[in-house]
Amino acid sequence: MSTNPTKERLFSPYQVFIIALLSILQFTVILDFMVLSPLGAILMPELKITTAQFGWVVSAYAFSAGASGILAAGFADKFDRKQLLVFFYIGFLLGTALCAIAPDYNFLLVARIVTGIFGGVIGSVGFAIITDLFKYEVRGRVMAFTQMSFALSQILGLPIGLLLANSFGWHSPFWMIAGVGVIIGVVMVLYMKPVTEHLKLKSDRNAFEHLTKTFSVPDYLKTYLCTTLLATGGFMLMPFGSAFSTNNLGLTLEQLPLVYLIVGLCTVPAAPIIGKLSDKLGKYKVFAVGTLLSCVMVAIYTPLGITPMWLVIVLSGIMFIGITSRMISASALMSAVPAPQDRGAFMSINSSVQQISGGIASAVAGMIVYQAPDGNLHNYNTLGYVVIGSMLITIVMMYWIDRHVKTTMQNKVAPQPVVVSD
């Protein structure tokens, strides 16, 4: 009887626990960022701020997250990853609590900076843990479950957040995130095992040397450049999604939770399928198809005017499936780039590059888009053209990364950090 290769891919009960824990943890972090988008339609008139100021509220998180990620990169491979995760998650929850008590624009801006300082590192530590604990051949599936938090934040978080905001004010969604986060933090402290295998591979470099060396590896630099372009899409369109929906598409604030709910319900079942296809057909192929689908949908969606809700749901659902395909396949593919002793630093820097690039994109988007006296957003379609251009370039960049990873796998040699001779 022949051996069934799928049996080798079965996860242990503890691995299932880790996948669930990291997915739920990511859910709270992503929700904390994403909830600002639907709250934009409430925040801008209530705080009497412009689209540019709201763009800075979004990008402040991204800039601080990027800076902290770079600063933390030198230490990322020198400590137990569980300890790092706990430390930064506690800081993230404190920042979220500050958002929940913010009385005005300036306080909220500072609160978002604090949240970003801690929240921006959590994702990179989580990805490093996944890379440590799971083989490359199954990472598409693992990434699919962790990336499902993006869709779950729409299905559960955003509708609930909007309902809370409409009923109890815009502060209430942040209280909800902080409360759920405390429970997750307790479970993580009690039941997650230390992740220290990487410490056996660490070199004698100090934190600064480890940071600079990881920043200077040519193969890593190309990946960082690709990440820069990957970040452009979501950060440009997302911050003004709710304002565009209510003012340009003609939806009401009461309809938005239902739209997010249905779109999320379409994405959740698609994520595991996308993960399996990434592992079976190839991560780059799934990325390329998802990118082309996203480009088509962005081109259709961003110039829209008054549109029936059912059509908005259909178009948004297809677009998010394309975006999810890109996120899952790109995350799984990039996880194979760094050498084992560089994983924490690489993931931290890569996350920082993503956050900083997204912050710049969000700030630029706030300058391109402007709100007319009648409430309509103008130049949203211009953002769509920029996003499409960046997506097409990433197809070429990800092809190089895919070729590099395949060569490494074939040679059975892990990617090596650069060696600088005297």
Protein backbone atom coordinates (compact mmCIF):
# COMPACT_ATOMS: atom_id res chain seq x y z
CA MET A 1 0.00 0.00 0.00
CA SER A 2 1.45 3.33 -1.03
CA THR A 3 1.98 6.04 1.49
CA ASN A 4 -0.50 8.88 1.28
CA PRO A 5 1.54 12.10 1.22
CA THR A 6 -1.30 14.10 2.68
CA LYS A 7 -0.92 12.26 5.98
CA GLU A 8 2.47 13.86 6.41
CA ARG A 9 0.79 17.25 6.31
CA LEU A 10 -1.59 16.62 9.18
CA PHE A 11 -1.14 19.11 12.01
CA SER A 12 -0.62 18.05 15.60
CA PRO A 13 -3.16 19.24 18.19
CA TYR A 14 -0.66 21.79 19.46
CA GLN A 15 -0.03 23.07 15.92
CA VAL A 16 -3.79 23.47 15.48
CA PHE A 17 -3.84 25.44 18.75
CA ILE A 18 -1.02 27.69 17.51
CA ILE A 19 -2.79 28.32 14.20
CA ALA A 20 -6.00 29.21 16.05
CA LEU A 21 -4.20 31.40 18.60
CA LEU A 22 -2.20 33.34 16.00
CA SER A 23 -5.28 33.71 13.80
CA ILE A 24 -7.41 35.14 16.61
CA LEU A 25 -4.54 37.34 17.76
CA GLN A 26 -4.10 38.66 14.22
CA PHE A 27 -7.84 39.22 14.10
CA THR A 28 -7.65 41.74 16.94
CA VAL A 29 -4.63 43.51 15.47
CA ILE A 30 -6.08 43.74 11.96
CA LEU A 31 -9.48 44.76 13.30
CA ASP A 32 -7.88 47.57 15.30
CA PHE A 33 -6.44 48.94 12.06
CA MET A 34 -9.36 48.15 9.76
CA VAL A 35 -12.07 49.52 12.03
CA LEU A 36 -10.86 53.04 11.29
CA SER A 37 -11.95 52.70 7.67
CA PRO A 38 -15.69 52.27 8.33
CA LEU A 39 -15.45 54.70 11.25
CA GLY A 40 -14.12 57.34 8.87
CA ALA A 41 -17.62 58.35 7.83
CA ILE A 42 -18.38 58.98 11.52
CA LEU A 43 -15.04 60.38 12.68
CA MET A 44 -14.56 63.05 10.01
CA PRO A 45 -17.76 64.99 10.76
CA GLU A 46 -17.71 64.31 14.53
CA LEU A 47 -14.10 65.42 15.05
CA LYS A 48 -14.44 68.05 12.30
CA ILE A 49 -11.36 66.84 10.44
CA THR A 50 -10.51 66.78 6.74
CA THR A 51 -9.72 63.76 4.55
CA ALA A 52 -6.04 64.66 4.79
CA GLN A 53 -6.18 64.66 8.61
CA PHE A 54 -8.01 61.35 8.61
CA GLY A 55 -5.34 59.99 6.28
CA TRP A 56 -2.75 60.94 8.91
CA VAL A 57 -4.71 59.15 11.64
CA VAL A 58 -4.44 55.99 9.56
CA SER A 59 -0.84 56.52 8.50
CA ALA A 60 0.34 57.47 12.03
CA TYR A 61 -0.20 53.85 13.05
CA ALA A 62 1.68 52.65 9.99
CA PHE A 63 4.67 54.97 10.46
CA SER A 64 5.10 54.15 14.14
CA ALA A 65 4.66 50.44 13.43
CA GLY A 66 7.31 50.63 10.75
CA ALA A 67 9.78 52.45 12.96
CA SER A 68 9.32 50.08 15.89
CA GLY A 69 9.66 47.06 13.63
CA ILE A 70 13.03 48.23 12.39
CA LEU A 71 14.22 48.99 15.93
CA ALA A 72 13.03 45.58 17.12
CA ALA A 73 14.55 43.68 14.20
CA GLY A 74 18.01 43.48 15.73
CA PHE A 75 16.60 41.74 18.80
CA ALA A 76 13.98 39.62 17.05
CA ASP A 77 16.19 36.51 16.80
CA LYS A 78 17.80 36.85 20.23
CA PHE A 79 14.81 36.09 22.46
CA ASP A 80 12.09 33.53 22.91
CA ARG A 81 9.47 34.48 20.33
CA LYS A 82 6.68 33.85 22.83
CA GLN A 83 8.14 36.45 25.20
CA LEU A 84 8.34 38.98 22.38
CA LEU A 85 4.76 38.25 21.35
CA VAL A 86 3.44 38.70 24.89
CA PHE A 87 5.38 41.95 25.43
CA PHE A 88 4.23 43.62 22.24
CA TYR A 89 0.64 42.41 22.59
CA ILE A 90 0.36 43.96 26.04
CA GLY A 91 1.59 47.27 24.60
CA PHE A 92 -0.86 46.96 21.72
CA LEU A 93 -3.78 46.51 24.13
CA LEU A 94 -2.69 49.58 26.12
CA GLY A 95 -2.60 51.63 22.90
CA THR A 96 -6.05 50.40 21.93
CA ALA A 97 -7.37 51.42 25.36
CA LEU A 98 -5.96 54.91 24.76
CA CYS A 99 -7.92 55.07 21.49
CA ALA A 100 -11.02 54.11 23.48
CA ILE A 101 -10.68 57.17 25.72
CA ALA A 102 -9.45 59.65 23.08
CA PRO A 103 -11.45 62.92 23.44
CA ASP A 104 -10.19 64.70 20.32
CA TYR A 105 -8.15 64.44 17.12
CA ASN A 106 -4.73 65.13 18.67
CA PHE A 107 -5.18 62.57 21.44
CA LEU A 108 -6.40 60.00 18.92
CA LEU A 109 -3.37 60.67 16.73
CA VAL A 110 -1.00 60.03 19.66
CA ALA A 111 -2.98 56.93 20.66
CA ARG A 112 -2.64 55.52 17.14
CA ILE A 113 1.12 56.09 17.30
CA VAL A 114 1.36 54.17 20.59
CA THR A 115 -0.78 51.36 19.21
CA GLY A 116 1.35 51.16 16.09
CA ILE A 117 4.61 50.99 18.05
CA PHE A 118 3.51 47.70 19.58
CA GLY A 119 0.98 46.36 17.09
CA GLY A 120 3.29 46.67 14.12
CA VAL A 121 5.68 44.05 15.46
CA ILE A 122 3.08 41.42 16.37
CA GLY A 123 2.44 40.25 12.82
CA SER A 124 6.12 39.75 12.07
CA VAL A 125 6.67 37.72 15.25
CA GLY A 126 3.66 35.59 14.35
CA PHE A 127 4.97 34.92 10.84
CA ALA A 128 8.38 34.01 12.26
CA ILE A 129 6.69 31.50 14.59
CA ILE A 130 4.79 29.99 11.66
CA THR A 131 8.00 29.68 9.65
CA ASP A 132 9.71 28.01 12.63
CA LEU A 133 6.95 25.51 13.32
CA PHE A 134 5.56 24.61 9.89
CA LYS A 135 7.12 23.22 6.71
CA TYR A 136 7.10 25.30 3.53
CA GLU A 137 4.91 22.70 1.79
CA VAL A 138 1.97 23.46 4.11
CA ARG A 139 2.50 27.14 4.80
CA GLY A 140 -0.06 28.16 2.21
CA ARG A 141 -2.71 26.44 4.29
CA VAL A 142 -1.39 27.89 7.54
CA MET A 143 -1.20 31.38 6.07
CA ALA A 144 -4.74 30.94 4.76
CA PHE A 145 -6.08 30.47 8.28
CA THR A 146 -4.06 33.34 9.74
CA GLN A 147 -5.06 35.60 6.84
CA MET A 148 -8.71 34.63 7.36
CA SER A 149 -8.57 37.10 10.23
CA PHE A 150 -8.79 39.77 7.55
CA ALA A 151 -12.17 38.42 6.42
CA LEU A 152 -13.32 37.57 9.94
CA SER A 153 -12.69 41.16 10.98
CA GLN A 154 -15.32 42.07 8.39
CA ILE A 155 -17.78 39.31 9.24
CA LEU A 156 -17.66 39.75 13.00
CA GLY A 157 -15.61 42.79 13.88
CA LEU A 158 -16.57 45.52 11.43
CA PRO A 159 -20.35 45.00 11.54
CA ILE A 160 -20.27 44.75 15.34
CA GLY A 161 -17.90 47.71 15.48
CA LEU A 162 -20.19 49.80 13.29
CA LEU A 163 -23.26 48.79 15.27
CA LEU A 164 -21.49 49.71 18.51
CA ALA A 165 -20.31 53.00 17.02
CA ASN A 166 -23.78 53.86 15.77
CA SER A 167 -25.32 52.98 19.16
CA PHE A 168 -22.70 53.98 21.71
CA GLY A 169 -20.24 56.24 19.87
CA TRP A 170 -17.04 55.66 17.93
CA HIS A 171 -15.00 54.85 21.09
CA SER A 172 -16.89 51.62 21.79
CA PRO A 173 -15.27 49.42 19.07
CA PHE A 174 -11.87 50.03 20.65
CA TRP A 175 -13.19 48.95 24.05
CA MET A 176 -14.47 45.79 22.41
CA ILE A 177 -11.05 45.02 20.88
CA ALA A 178 -9.24 45.67 24.16
CA GLY A 179 -11.63 43.42 26.10
CA VAL A 180 -11.32 40.50 23.67
CA GLY A 181 -7.55 41.02 23.54
CA VAL A 182 -7.16 40.59 27.28
CA ILE A 183 -8.74 37.13 27.08
CA ILE A 184 -6.46 36.13 24.19
CA GLY A 185 -3.42 37.41 26.06
CA VAL A 186 -4.23 35.27 29.10
CA VAL A 187 -4.62 32.14 26.93
CA MET A 188 -1.31 32.88 25.21
CA VAL A 189 0.57 33.29 28.48
CA LEU A 190 -0.87 30.11 30.00
CA TYR A 191 -0.83 27.64 27.12
CA MET A 192 1.66 28.68 24.46
CA LYS A 193 5.04 26.95 24.67
CA PRO A 194 8.33 28.86 24.32
CA VAL A 195 9.65 29.16 20.76
CA THR A 196 13.42 29.00 21.13
CA GLU A 197 14.74 26.66 18.43
CA HIS A 198 16.14 29.61 16.48
CA LEU A 199 18.35 30.57 19.43
CA LYS A 200 20.56 27.56 18.68
CA LEU A 201 21.46 29.14 15.33
CA LYS A 202 22.16 32.67 16.49
CA SER A 203 25.52 34.23 15.78
CA ASP A 204 27.71 36.46 17.92
CA ARG A 205 26.43 39.59 16.20
CA ASN A 206 25.09 42.32 18.42
CA ALA A 207 21.63 43.71 17.75
CA PHE A 208 22.88 46.54 15.51
CA GLU A 209 25.06 44.23 13.42
CA HIS A 210 22.21 41.74 13.05
CA LEU A 211 19.91 44.53 11.87
CA THR A 212 22.35 45.98 9.34
CA LYS A 213 23.37 42.57 7.97
CA THR A 214 19.75 41.50 7.53
CA PHE A 215 19.00 44.82 5.86
CA SER A 216 21.86 44.47 3.39
CA VAL A 217 21.35 40.95 1.96
CA PRO A 218 20.60 41.47 -1.78
CA ASP A 219 17.95 38.72 -1.84
CA TYR A 220 16.22 40.27 1.14
CA LEU A 221 16.34 43.76 -0.37
CA LYS A 222 14.45 42.60 -3.45
CA THR A 223 11.79 41.11 -1.21
CA TYR A 224 11.49 44.37 0.74
CA LEU A 225 11.00 46.24 -2.54
CA CYS A 226 8.22 43.85 -3.53
CA THR A 227 6.57 44.32 -0.14
CA THR A 228 6.65 48.09 -0.69
CA LEU A 229 4.55 47.69 -3.82
CA LEU A 230 2.26 45.10 -2.22
CA ALA A 231 1.39 47.57 0.54
CA THR A 232 0.31 50.30 -1.86
CA GLY A 233 -3.01 48.75 -2.83
CA GLY A 234 -4.74 48.18 0.48
CA PHE A 235 -3.47 51.27 2.24
CA MET A 236 -4.54 53.58 -0.58
CA LEU A 237 -8.10 52.38 -1.07
CA MET A 238 -9.01 51.09 2.40
CA PRO A 239 -8.97 54.29 4.53
CA PHE A 240 -11.67 55.96 2.46
CA GLY A 241 -13.73 52.84 1.73
CA SER A 242 -16.66 53.73 3.99
CA ALA A 243 -16.74 57.39 2.94
CA PHE A 244 -16.71 56.31 -0.73
CA SER A 245 -19.48 53.79 -0.07
CA THR A 246 -21.77 56.23 1.71
CA ASN A 247 -21.14 59.34 -0.36
CA ASN A 248 -20.37 58.05 -3.85
CA LEU A 249 -22.09 54.66 -4.00
CA GLY A 250 -25.16 55.85 -2.11
CA LEU A 251 -25.12 53.35 0.76
CA THR A 252 -26.26 54.35 4.23
CA LEU A 253 -24.33 53.87 7.48
CA GLU A 254 -26.96 51.32 8.46
CA GLN A 255 -26.29 49.30 5.28
CA LEU A 256 -22.51 49.20 5.69
CA PRO A 257 -22.44 46.47 8.38
CA LEU A 258 -24.52 44.17 6.15
CA VAL A 259 -22.25 44.84 3.17
CA TYR A 260 -19.11 44.04 5.19
CA LEU A 261 -20.79 40.97 6.66
CA ILE A 262 -21.75 39.44 3.31
CA VAL A 263 -18.42 40.29 1.67
CA GLY A 264 -16.60 38.69 4.58
CA LEU A 265 -18.80 35.59 4.36
CA CYS A 266 -17.72 35.23 0.74
CA THR A 267 -14.04 35.51 1.63
CA VAL A 268 -13.85 33.14 4.63
CA PRO A 269 -14.67 29.89 2.78
CA ALA A 270 -12.46 31.00 -0.10
CA ALA A 271 -9.34 31.41 2.07
CA PRO A 272 -8.72 27.70 2.90
CA ILE A 273 -9.31 26.80 -0.76
CA ILE A 274 -6.81 29.44 -1.82
CA GLY A 275 -4.31 28.11 0.73
CA LYS A 276 -4.60 24.55 -0.59
CA LEU A 277 -4.28 25.73 -4.18
CA SER A 278 -1.16 27.69 -3.21
CA ASP A 279 0.45 24.52 -1.82
CA LYS A 280 -0.67 22.26 -4.68
CA LEU A 281 -0.53 24.43 -7.81
CA GLY A 282 2.19 26.83 -6.76
CA LYS A 283 2.16 29.97 -4.68
CA TYR A 284 3.24 32.24 -7.53
CA LYS A 285 0.51 31.00 -9.89
CA VAL A 286 -2.17 31.73 -7.31
CA PHE A 287 -0.62 35.15 -6.66
CA ALA A 288 -0.59 36.05 -10.35
CA VAL A 289 -4.21 35.01 -10.89
CA GLY A 290 -5.32 36.84 -7.74
CA THR A 291 -3.47 39.97 -8.84
CA LEU A 292 -5.03 40.04 -12.30
CA LEU A 293 -8.48 39.50 -10.79
CA SER A 294 -7.87 42.33 -8.31
CA CYS A 295 -6.76 44.69 -11.08
CA VAL A 296 -9.92 44.08 -13.07
CA MET A 297 -12.16 44.60 -10.05
CA VAL A 298 -10.38 47.78 -8.91
CA ALA A 299 -10.77 49.19 -12.43
CA ILE A 300 -14.51 48.47 -12.27
CA TYR A 301 -15.11 49.51 -8.66
CA THR A 302 -13.29 52.83 -8.14
CA PRO A 303 -15.10 54.91 -10.85
CA LEU A 304 -18.58 53.85 -9.69
CA GLY A 305 -21.33 56.30 -8.81
CA ILE A 306 -24.69 55.51 -7.19
CA THR A 307 -24.88 51.72 -7.20
CA PRO A 308 -27.43 49.20 -5.88
CA MET A 309 -26.33 47.50 -2.69
CA TRP A 310 -26.49 44.01 -4.20
CA LEU A 311 -24.09 45.01 -6.97
CA VAL A 312 -21.70 46.64 -4.48
CA ILE A 313 -21.67 43.37 -2.53
CA VAL A 314 -20.97 41.27 -5.63
CA LEU A 315 -18.16 43.49 -6.88
CA SER A 316 -16.62 43.90 -3.41
CA GLY A 317 -16.79 40.15 -2.78
CA ILE A 318 -14.94 39.29 -5.98
CA MET A 319 -12.38 42.01 -5.35
CA PHE A 320 -11.66 40.80 -1.82
CA ILE A 321 -11.24 37.22 -3.01
CA GLY A 322 -8.56 38.47 -5.40
CA ILE A 323 -6.87 40.48 -2.65
CA THR A 324 -7.02 37.51 -0.27
CA SER A 325 -5.38 35.32 -2.91
CA ARG A 326 -2.51 37.79 -3.11
CA MET A 327 -2.10 38.04 0.66
CA ILE A 328 -2.05 34.29 1.32
CA SER A 329 0.24 33.29 -1.54
CA ALA A 330 2.64 36.22 -1.08
CA SER A 331 2.98 35.60 2.67
CA ALA A 332 3.67 31.89 2.16
CA LEU A 333 6.18 32.52 -0.62
CA MET A 334 8.09 35.23 1.21
CA SER A 335 8.35 33.07 4.32
CA ALA A 336 10.86 30.86 2.47
CA VAL A 337 13.25 33.71 1.65
CA PRO A 338 15.16 34.28 4.94
CA ALA A 339 17.74 31.97 6.46
CA PRO A 340 16.57 30.35 9.75
CA GLN A 341 18.84 32.54 11.89
CA ASP A 342 17.47 35.68 10.20
CA ARG A 343 13.75 34.92 10.25
CA GLY A 344 12.75 37.17 13.11
CA ALA A 345 14.77 40.14 11.86
CA PHE A 346 13.67 39.60 8.26
CA MET A 347 9.99 39.37 9.18
CA SER A 348 10.28 42.42 11.41
CA ILE A 349 11.98 44.52 8.74
CA ASN A 350 9.60 43.26 6.07
CA SER A 351 6.63 44.18 8.26
CA SER A 352 8.15 47.61 8.88
CA VAL A 353 8.64 48.18 5.17
CA GLN A 354 5.02 47.23 4.64
CA GLN A 355 3.78 49.56 7.37
CA ILE A 356 5.90 52.53 6.31
CA SER A 357 5.01 52.06 2.65
CA GLY A 358 1.37 51.79 3.61
CA GLY A 359 1.63 54.91 5.74
CA ILE A 360 3.08 56.88 2.86
CA ALA A 361 0.42 55.49 0.53
CA SER A 362 -2.36 56.41 2.98
CA ALA A 363 -1.02 59.94 3.43
CA VAL A 364 -0.67 60.40 -0.33
CA ALA A 365 -4.17 59.04 -0.82
CA GLY A 366 -5.49 61.64 1.62
CA MET A 367 -3.87 64.34 -0.53
CA ILE A 368 -5.17 62.95 -3.83
CA VAL A 369 -8.74 62.35 -2.69
CA TYR A 370 -10.79 65.34 -1.60
CA GLN A 371 -14.34 65.67 -0.35
CA ALA A 372 -16.63 68.12 -2.12
CA PRO A 373 -19.20 70.20 -0.22
CA ASP A 374 -21.90 67.70 -1.23
CA GLY A 375 -19.91 64.91 0.46
CA ASN A 376 -18.75 63.11 -2.67
CA LEU A 377 -15.13 61.91 -2.81
CA HIS A 378 -13.27 62.97 -5.92
CA ASN A 379 -10.23 61.32 -7.56
CA TYR A 380 -10.94 57.92 -6.00
CA ASN A 381 -10.60 56.42 -9.47
CA THR A 382 -7.13 57.99 -9.69
CA LEU A 383 -6.13 55.95 -6.67
CA GLY A 384 -7.44 52.91 -8.50
CA TYR A 385 -5.09 53.52 -11.43
CA VAL A 386 -2.11 53.85 -9.07
CA VAL A 387 -3.08 50.63 -7.29
CA ILE A 388 -3.44 48.73 -10.57
CA GLY A 389 0.00 49.90 -11.71
CA SER A 390 1.64 48.75 -8.50
CA MET A 391 -0.14 45.39 -8.67
CA LEU A 392 1.10 44.69 -12.18
CA ILE A 393 4.68 45.43 -11.17
CA THR A 394 4.42 43.00 -8.23
CA ILE A 395 3.69 40.15 -10.65
CA VAL A 396 7.19 40.62 -12.06
CA MET A 397 8.78 41.03 -8.63
CA MET A 398 7.09 37.96 -7.18
CA TYR A 399 8.23 35.92 -10.17
CA TRP A 400 11.83 36.60 -9.19
CA ILE A 401 11.13 35.64 -5.56
CA ASP A 402 9.43 32.43 -6.70
CA ARG A 403 12.38 31.52 -8.91
CA HIS A 404 14.80 32.24 -6.06
CA VAL A 405 12.86 30.06 -3.61
CA LYS A 406 12.59 27.18 -6.08
CA THR A 407 16.33 27.27 -6.74
CA THR A 408 17.00 27.23 -3.01
CA MET A 409 14.64 24.30 -2.46
CA GLN A 410 16.14 22.32 -5.32
CA ASN A 411 19.63 22.81 -4.01
CA LYS A 412 18.42 21.93 -0.50
CA VAL A 413 20.40 24.85 0.81
CA ALA A 414 18.78 27.49 3.00
CA PRO A 415 19.18 31.10 1.80
CA GLN A 416 22.39 32.37 3.34
CA PRO A 417 22.93 35.84 4.79
CA VAL A 418 25.51 37.99 3.11
CA VAL A 419 29.08 37.62 4.29
CA VAL A 420 30.96 40.91 4.40
CA SER A 421 34.69 40.50 4.13
CA ASP A 422 37.12 42.84 5.75
